[in-house]
Amino acid sequence: RYDAVVIDTAGVHPHAVEFARLADRVL
């Protein structure tokens, strides 16, 4: 449904790791 998604996380926590694995780019 979107052309770009930006996800803000709190650090290298378990759920952030799951998001990072699926993301195209990790900043």
PDB file of all heavy atoms in Angstrom:
ATOM      1  N   ARG A   1       0.791  -1.230   0.000  1.00  0.00           N
ATOM      2  CA  ARG A   1       0.000   0.000   0.000  1.00  0.00           C
ATOM      3  C   ARG A   1       0.824   1.281   0.000  1.00  0.00           C
ATOM      4  O   ARG A   1       0.252   2.365  -0.152  1.00  0.00           O
ATOM      5  CB  ARG A   1      -0.952  -0.002   1.203  1.00  0.00           C
ATOM      6  CG  ARG A   1      -2.169  -0.884   0.953  1.00  0.00           C
ATOM      7  CD  ARG A   1      -2.817  -1.341   2.223  1.00  0.00           C
ATOM      8  NE  ARG A   1      -4.020  -2.123   1.937  1.00  0.00           N
ATOM      9  CZ  ARG A   1      -3.999  -3.399   1.570  1.00  0.00           C
ATOM     10  NH1 ARG A   1      -2.844  -4.035   1.428  1.00  0.00           N
ATOM     11  NH2 ARG A   1      -5.126  -4.050   1.314  1.00  0.00           N
ATOM     12  N   TYR A   2       2.128   1.189   0.167  1.00  0.00           N
ATOM     13  CA  TYR A   2       2.955   2.394   0.222  1.00  0.00           C
ATOM     14  C   TYR A   2       4.132   2.290  -0.744  1.00  0.00           C
ATOM     15  O   TYR A   2       4.526   1.192  -1.162  1.00  0.00           O
ATOM     16  CB  TYR A   2       3.457   2.641   1.651  1.00  0.00           C
ATOM     17  CG  TYR A   2       2.350   3.026   2.605  1.00  0.00           C
ATOM     18  CD1 TYR A   2       1.702   2.056   3.372  1.00  0.00           C
ATOM     19  CD2 TYR A   2       1.926   4.345   2.721  1.00  0.00           C
ATOM     20  CE1 TYR A   2       0.667   2.394   4.235  1.00  0.00           C
ATOM     21  CE2 TYR A   2       0.896   4.696   3.582  1.00  0.00           C
ATOM     22  CZ  TYR A   2       0.270   3.717   4.328  1.00  0.00           C
ATOM     23  OH  TYR A   2      -0.756   4.061   5.171  1.00  0.00           O
ATOM     24  N   ASP A   3       4.689   3.452  -1.064  1.00  0.00           N
ATOM     25  CA  ASP A   3       5.876   3.513  -1.917  1.00  0.00           C
ATOM     26  C   ASP A   3       7.149   3.619  -1.084  1.00  0.00           C
ATOM     27  O   ASP A   3       8.230   3.301  -1.566  1.00  0.00           O
ATOM     28  CB  ASP A   3       5.764   4.709  -2.869  1.00  0.00           C
ATOM     29  CG  ASP A   3       4.515   4.625  -3.728  1.00  0.00           C
ATOM     30  OD1 ASP A   3       4.478   3.760  -4.618  1.00  0.00           O
ATOM     31  OD2 ASP A   3       3.573   5.402  -3.495  1.00  0.00           O
ATOM     32  N   ALA A   4       7.026   4.098   0.137  1.00  0.00           N
ATOM     33  CA  ALA A   4       8.174   4.172   1.054  1.00  0.00           C
ATOM     34  C   ALA A   4       7.658   4.059   2.483  1.00  0.00           C
ATOM     35  O   ALA A   4       6.604   4.606   2.820  1.00  0.00           O
ATOM     36  CB  ALA A   4       8.946   5.473   0.872  1.00  0.00           C
ATOM     37  N   VAL A   5       8.406   3.339   3.310  1.00  0.00           N
ATOM     38  CA  VAL A   5       8.072   3.177   4.725  1.00  0.00           C
ATOM     39  C   VAL A   5       9.322   3.495   5.536  1.00  0.00           C
ATOM     40  O   VAL A   5      10.406   2.980   5.248  1.00  0.00           O
ATOM     41  CB  VAL A   5       7.602   1.736   5.045  1.00  0.00           C
ATOM     42  CG1 VAL A   5       7.286   1.598   6.532  1.00  0.00           C
ATOM     43  CG2 VAL A   5       6.391   1.364   4.201  1.00  0.00           C
ATOM     44  N   VAL A   6       9.175   4.356   6.541  1.00  0.00           N
ATOM     45  CA  VAL A   6      10.276   4.704   7.446  1.00  0.00           C
ATOM     46  C   VAL A   6       9.906   4.218   8.834  1.00  0.00           C
ATOM     47  O   VAL A   6       8.835   4.580   9.364  1.00  0.00           O
ATOM     48  CB  VAL A   6      10.530   6.223   7.462  1.00  0.00           C
ATOM     49  CG1 VAL A   6      11.685   6.550   8.426  1.00  0.00           C
ATOM     50  CG2 VAL A   6      10.854   6.738   6.064  1.00  0.00           C
ATOM     51  N   ILE A   7      10.764   3.385   9.440  1.00  0.00           N
ATOM     52  CA  ILE A   7      10.474   2.794  10.751  1.00  0.00           C
ATOM     53  C   ILE A   7      11.480   3.329  11.766  1.00  0.00           C
ATOM     54  O   ILE A   7      12.693   3.179  11.596  1.00  0.00           O
ATOM     55  CB  ILE A   7      10.548   1.262  10.702  1.00  0.00           C
ATOM     56  CG1 ILE A   7       9.604   0.708   9.633  1.00  0.00           C
ATOM     57  CG2 ILE A   7      10.212   0.666  12.061  1.00  0.00           C
ATOM     58  CD1 ILE A   7       9.707  -0.788   9.444  1.00  0.00           C
ATOM     59  N   ASP A   8      10.981   3.948  12.819  1.00  0.00           N
ATOM     60  CA  ASP A   8      11.817   4.459  13.900  1.00  0.00           C
ATOM     61  C   ASP A   8      11.870   3.424  15.010  1.00  0.00           C
ATOM     62  O   ASP A   8      10.837   2.936  15.476  1.00  0.00           O
ATOM     63  CB  ASP A   8      11.221   5.778  14.415  1.00  0.00           C
ATOM     64  CG  ASP A   8      12.003   6.342  15.591  1.00  0.00           C
ATOM     65  OD1 ASP A   8      13.223   6.133  15.642  1.00  0.00           O
ATOM     66  OD2 ASP A   8      11.384   6.980  16.469  1.00  0.00           O
ATOM     67  N   THR A   9      13.084   3.060  15.443  1.00  0.00           N
ATOM     68  CA  THR A   9      13.235   2.065  16.509  1.00  0.00           C
ATOM     69  C   THR A   9      14.036   2.651  17.659  1.00  0.00           C
ATOM     70  O   THR A   9      14.635   3.718  17.541  1.00  0.00           O
ATOM     71  CB  THR A   9      13.946   0.802  16.002  1.00  0.00           C
ATOM     72  OG1 THR A   9      15.325   1.110  15.735  1.00  0.00           O
ATOM     73  CG2 THR A   9      13.303   0.277  14.726  1.00  0.00           C
ATOM     74  N   ALA A  10      14.055   1.913  18.769  1.00  0.00           N
ATOM     75  CA  ALA A  10      14.740   2.403  19.968  1.00  0.00           C
ATOM     76  C   ALA A  10      16.160   1.888  20.083  1.00  0.00           C
ATOM     77  O   ALA A  10      16.882   2.262  21.005  1.00  0.00           O
ATOM     78  CB  ALA A  10      13.946   2.012  21.207  1.00  0.00           C
ATOM     79  N   GLY A  11      16.594   1.022  19.199  1.00  0.00           N
ATOM     80  CA  GLY A  11      17.917   0.427  19.288  1.00  0.00           C
ATOM     81  C   GLY A  11      17.877  -1.004  18.792  1.00  0.00           C
ATOM     82  O   GLY A  11      16.886  -1.440  18.209  1.00  0.00           O
ATOM     83  N   VAL A  12      18.932  -1.744  19.040  1.00  0.00           N
ATOM     84  CA  VAL A  12      19.019  -3.112  18.540  1.00  0.00           C
ATOM     85  C   VAL A  12      18.291  -4.056  19.500  1.00  0.00           C
ATOM     86  O   VAL A  12      18.884  -4.886  20.181  1.00  0.00           O
ATOM     87  CB  VAL A  12      20.491  -3.546  18.341  1.00  0.00           C
ATOM     88  CG1 VAL A  12      20.565  -4.869  17.583  1.00  0.00           C
ATOM     89  CG2 VAL A  12      21.259  -2.489  17.569  1.00  0.00           C
ATOM     90  N   HIS A  13      16.966  -3.889  19.556  1.00  0.00           N
ATOM     91  CA  HIS A  13      16.113  -4.759  20.353  1.00  0.00           C
ATOM     92  C   HIS A  13      15.550  -5.861  19.456  1.00  0.00           C
ATOM     93  O   HIS A  13      15.611  -5.754  18.227  1.00  0.00           O
ATOM     94  CB  HIS A  13      14.988  -3.949  20.991  1.00  0.00           C
ATOM     95  CG  HIS A  13      15.475  -2.875  21.917  1.00  0.00           C
ATOM     96  ND1 HIS A  13      16.189  -3.146  23.054  1.00  0.00           N
ATOM     97  CD2 HIS A  13      15.365  -1.516  21.850  1.00  0.00           C
ATOM     98  CE1 HIS A  13      16.494  -2.016  23.676  1.00  0.00           C
ATOM     99  NE2 HIS A  13      16.007  -1.012  22.954  1.00  0.00           N
ATOM    100  N   PRO A  14      14.987  -6.925  20.037  1.00  0.00           N
ATOM    101  CA  PRO A  14      14.509  -8.049  19.212  1.00  0.00           C
ATOM    102  C   PRO A  14      13.570  -7.646  18.079  1.00  0.00           C
ATOM    103  O   PRO A  14      13.726  -8.090  16.946  1.00  0.00           O
ATOM    104  CB  PRO A  14      13.812  -8.955  20.238  1.00  0.00           C
ATOM    105  CG  PRO A  14      14.553  -8.702  21.514  1.00  0.00           C
ATOM    106  CD  PRO A  14      14.901  -7.248  21.480  1.00  0.00           C
ATOM    107  N   HIS A  15      12.573  -6.783  18.358  1.00  0.00           N
ATOM    108  CA  HIS A  15      11.647  -6.415  17.288  1.00  0.00           C
ATOM    109  C   HIS A  15      12.330  -5.539  16.245  1.00  0.00           C
ATOM    110  O   HIS A  15      12.027  -5.603  15.065  1.00  0.00           O
ATOM    111  CB  HIS A  15      10.409  -5.710  17.857  1.00  0.00           C
ATOM    112  CG  HIS A  15      10.677  -4.369  18.441  1.00  0.00           C
ATOM    113  ND1 HIS A  15      11.112  -4.186  19.733  1.00  0.00           N
ATOM    114  CD2 HIS A  15      10.592  -3.127  17.898  1.00  0.00           C
ATOM    115  CE1 HIS A  15      11.268  -2.910  19.970  1.00  0.00           C
ATOM    116  NE2 HIS A  15      10.967  -2.232  18.882  1.00  0.00           N
ATOM    117  N   ALA A  16      13.301  -4.713  16.691  1.00  0.00           N
ATOM    118  CA  ALA A  16      14.042  -3.887  15.733  1.00  0.00           C
ATOM    119  C   ALA A  16      14.886  -4.757  14.815  1.00  0.00           C
ATOM    120  O   ALA A  16      15.036  -4.461  13.619  1.00  0.00           O
ATOM    121  CB  ALA A  16      14.923  -2.884  16.476  1.00  0.00           C
ATOM    122  N   VAL A  17      15.415  -5.840  15.350  1.00  0.00           N
ATOM    123  CA  VAL A  17      16.198  -6.774  14.533  1.00  0.00           C
ATOM    124  C   VAL A  17      15.310  -7.407  13.466  1.00  0.00           C
ATOM    125  O   VAL A  17      15.720  -7.544  12.298  1.00  0.00           O
ATOM    126  CB  VAL A  17      16.844  -7.859  15.419  1.00  0.00           C
ATOM    127  CG1 VAL A  17      17.430  -8.975  14.558  1.00  0.00           C
ATOM    128  CG2 VAL A  17      17.927  -7.245  16.299  1.00  0.00           C
ATOM    129  N   GLU A  18      14.090  -7.779  13.849  1.00  0.00           N
ATOM    130  CA  GLU A  18      13.167  -8.367  12.860  1.00  0.00           C
ATOM    131  C   GLU A  18      12.861  -7.366  11.751  1.00  0.00           C
ATOM    132  O   GLU A  18      12.838  -7.715  10.568  1.00  0.00           O
ATOM    133  CB  GLU A  18      11.867  -8.807  13.542  1.00  0.00           C
ATOM    134  CG  GLU A  18      12.031  -9.887  14.593  1.00  0.00           C
ATOM    135  CD  GLU A  18      12.583 -11.184  14.022  1.00  0.00           C
ATOM    136  OE1 GLU A  18      12.511 -11.402  12.794  1.00  0.00           O
ATOM    137  OE2 GLU A  18      13.095 -12.002  14.810  1.00  0.00           O
ATOM    138  N   PHE A  19      12.634  -6.105  12.109  1.00  0.00           N
ATOM    139  CA  PHE A  19      12.370  -5.083  11.106  1.00  0.00           C
ATOM    140  C   PHE A  19      13.610  -4.841  10.241  1.00  0.00           C
ATOM    141  O   PHE A  19      13.518  -4.675   9.027  1.00  0.00           O
ATOM    142  CB  PHE A  19      11.946  -3.779  11.779  1.00  0.00           C
ATOM    143  CG  PHE A  19      10.542  -3.792  12.306  1.00  0.00           C
ATOM    144  CD1 PHE A  19      10.190  -3.018  13.405  1.00  0.00           C
ATOM    145  CD2 PHE A  19       9.558  -4.575  11.719  1.00  0.00           C
ATOM    146  CE1 PHE A  19       8.891  -3.023  13.894  1.00  0.00           C
ATOM    147  CE2 PHE A  19       8.260  -4.591  12.206  1.00  0.00           C
ATOM    148  CZ  PHE A  19       7.927  -3.808  13.298  1.00  0.00           C
ATOM    149  N   ALA A  20      14.786  -4.809  10.880  1.00  0.00           N
ATOM    150  CA  ALA A  20      16.020  -4.546  10.144  1.00  0.00           C
ATOM    151  C   ALA A  20      16.301  -5.640   9.121  1.00  0.00           C
ATOM    152  O   ALA A  20      16.777  -5.368   8.017  1.00  0.00           O
ATOM    153  CB  ALA A  20      17.195  -4.411  11.116  1.00  0.00           C
ATOM    154  N   ARG A  21      16.012  -6.882   9.475  1.00  0.00           N
ATOM    155  CA  ARG A  21      16.241  -7.994   8.541  1.00  0.00           C
ATOM    156  C   ARG A  21      15.403  -7.851   7.279  1.00  0.00           C
ATOM    157  O   ARG A  21      15.829  -8.236   6.187  1.00  0.00           O
ATOM    158  CB  ARG A  21      15.888  -9.318   9.228  1.00  0.00           C
ATOM    159  CG  ARG A  21      16.936  -9.807  10.226  1.00  0.00           C
ATOM    160  CD  ARG A  21      16.408 -11.012  10.969  1.00  0.00           C
ATOM    161  NE  ARG A  21      17.419 -11.628  11.824  1.00  0.00           N
ATOM    162  CZ  ARG A  21      17.154 -12.524  12.757  1.00  0.00           C
ATOM    163  NH1 ARG A  21      15.908 -12.911  12.949  1.00  0.00           N
ATOM    164  NH2 ARG A  21      18.124 -13.039  13.486  1.00  0.00           N
ATOM    165  N   LEU A  22      14.199  -7.294   7.418  1.00  0.00           N
ATOM    166  CA  LEU A  22      13.291  -7.196   6.287  1.00  0.00           C
ATOM    167  C   LEU A  22      13.435  -5.890   5.518  1.00  0.00           C
ATOM    168  O   LEU A  22      12.945  -5.783   4.392  1.00  0.00           O
ATOM    169  CB  LEU A  22      11.843  -7.330   6.778  1.00  0.00           C
ATOM    170  CG  LEU A  22      11.467  -8.656   7.435  1.00  0.00           C
ATOM    171  CD1 LEU A  22      10.064  -8.575   8.024  1.00  0.00           C
ATOM    172  CD2 LEU A  22      11.553  -9.800   6.440  1.00  0.00           C
ATOM    173  N   ALA A  23      14.071  -4.898   6.113  1.00  0.00           N
ATOM    174  CA  ALA A  23      14.168  -3.578   5.492  1.00  0.00           C
ATOM    175  C   ALA A  23      15.125  -3.591   4.307  1.00  0.00           C
ATOM    176  O   ALA A  23      16.050  -4.401   4.225  1.00  0.00           O
ATOM    177  CB  ALA A  23      14.619  -2.550   6.520  1.00  0.00           C
ATOM    178  N   ASP A  24      14.902  -2.661   3.393  1.00  0.00           N
ATOM    179  CA  ASP A  24      15.818  -2.505   2.259  1.00  0.00           C
ATOM    180  C   ASP A  24      17.088  -1.770   2.663  1.00  0.00           C
ATOM    181  O   ASP A  24      18.150  -2.025   2.119  1.00  0.00           O
ATOM    182  CB  ASP A  24      15.116  -1.725   1.135  1.00  0.00           C
ATOM    183  CG  ASP A  24      13.876  -2.439   0.649  1.00  0.00           C
ATOM    184  OD1 ASP A  24      14.027  -3.498   0.027  1.00  0.00           O
ATOM    185  OD2 ASP A  24      12.768  -1.957   0.907  1.00  0.00           O
ATOM    186  N   ARG A  25      16.967  -0.850   3.603  1.00  0.00           N
ATOM    187  CA  ARG A  25      18.124  -0.089   4.075  1.00  0.00           C
ATOM    188  C   ARG A  25      17.972   0.175   5.568  1.00  0.00           C
ATOM    189  O   ARG A  25      16.881   0.512   6.025  1.00  0.00           O
ATOM    190  CB  ARG A  25      18.223   1.241   3.319  1.00  0.00           C
ATOM    191  CG  ARG A  25      19.464   2.064   3.639  1.00  0.00           C
ATOM    192  CD  ARG A  25      20.717   1.414   3.067  1.00  0.00           C
ATOM    193  NE  ARG A  25      20.686   1.393   1.618  1.00  0.00           N
ATOM    194  CZ  ARG A  25      21.207   2.357   0.846  1.00  0.00           C
ATOM    195  NH1 ARG A  25      21.772   3.405   1.402  1.00  0.00           N
ATOM    196  NH2 ARG A  25      21.165   2.236  -0.462  1.00  0.00           N
ATOM    197  N   VAL A  26      19.070  -0.007   6.314  1.00  0.00           N
ATOM    198  CA  VAL A  26      19.097   0.293   7.737  1.00  0.00           C
ATOM    199  C   VAL A  26      19.978   1.515   7.939  1.00  0.00           C
ATOM    200  O   VAL A  26      21.147   1.528   7.534  1.00  0.00           O
ATOM    201  CB  VAL A  26      19.638  -0.895   8.556  1.00  0.00           C
ATOM    202  CG1 VAL A  26      19.744  -0.513  10.032  1.00  0.00           C
ATOM    203  CG2 VAL A  26      18.738  -2.115   8.382  1.00  0.00           C
ATOM    204  N   LEU A  27      19.418   2.564   8.535  1.00  0.00           N
ATOM    205  CA  LEU A  27      20.160   3.791   8.809  1.00  0.00           C
ATOM    206  C   LEU A  27      20.545   3.807  10.282  1.00  0.00           C
ATOM    207  O   LEU A  27      19.673   3.904  11.153  1.00  0.00           O
ATOM    208  CB  LEU A  27      19.311   5.013   8.465  1.00  0.00           C
ATOM    209  CG  LEU A  27      18.813   5.117   7.022  1.00  0.00           C
ATOM    210  CD1 LEU A  27      17.920   6.336   6.851  1.00  0.00           C
ATOM    211  CD2 LEU A  27      19.974   5.184   6.047  1.00  0.00           C
TER     212      LEU A  27
END
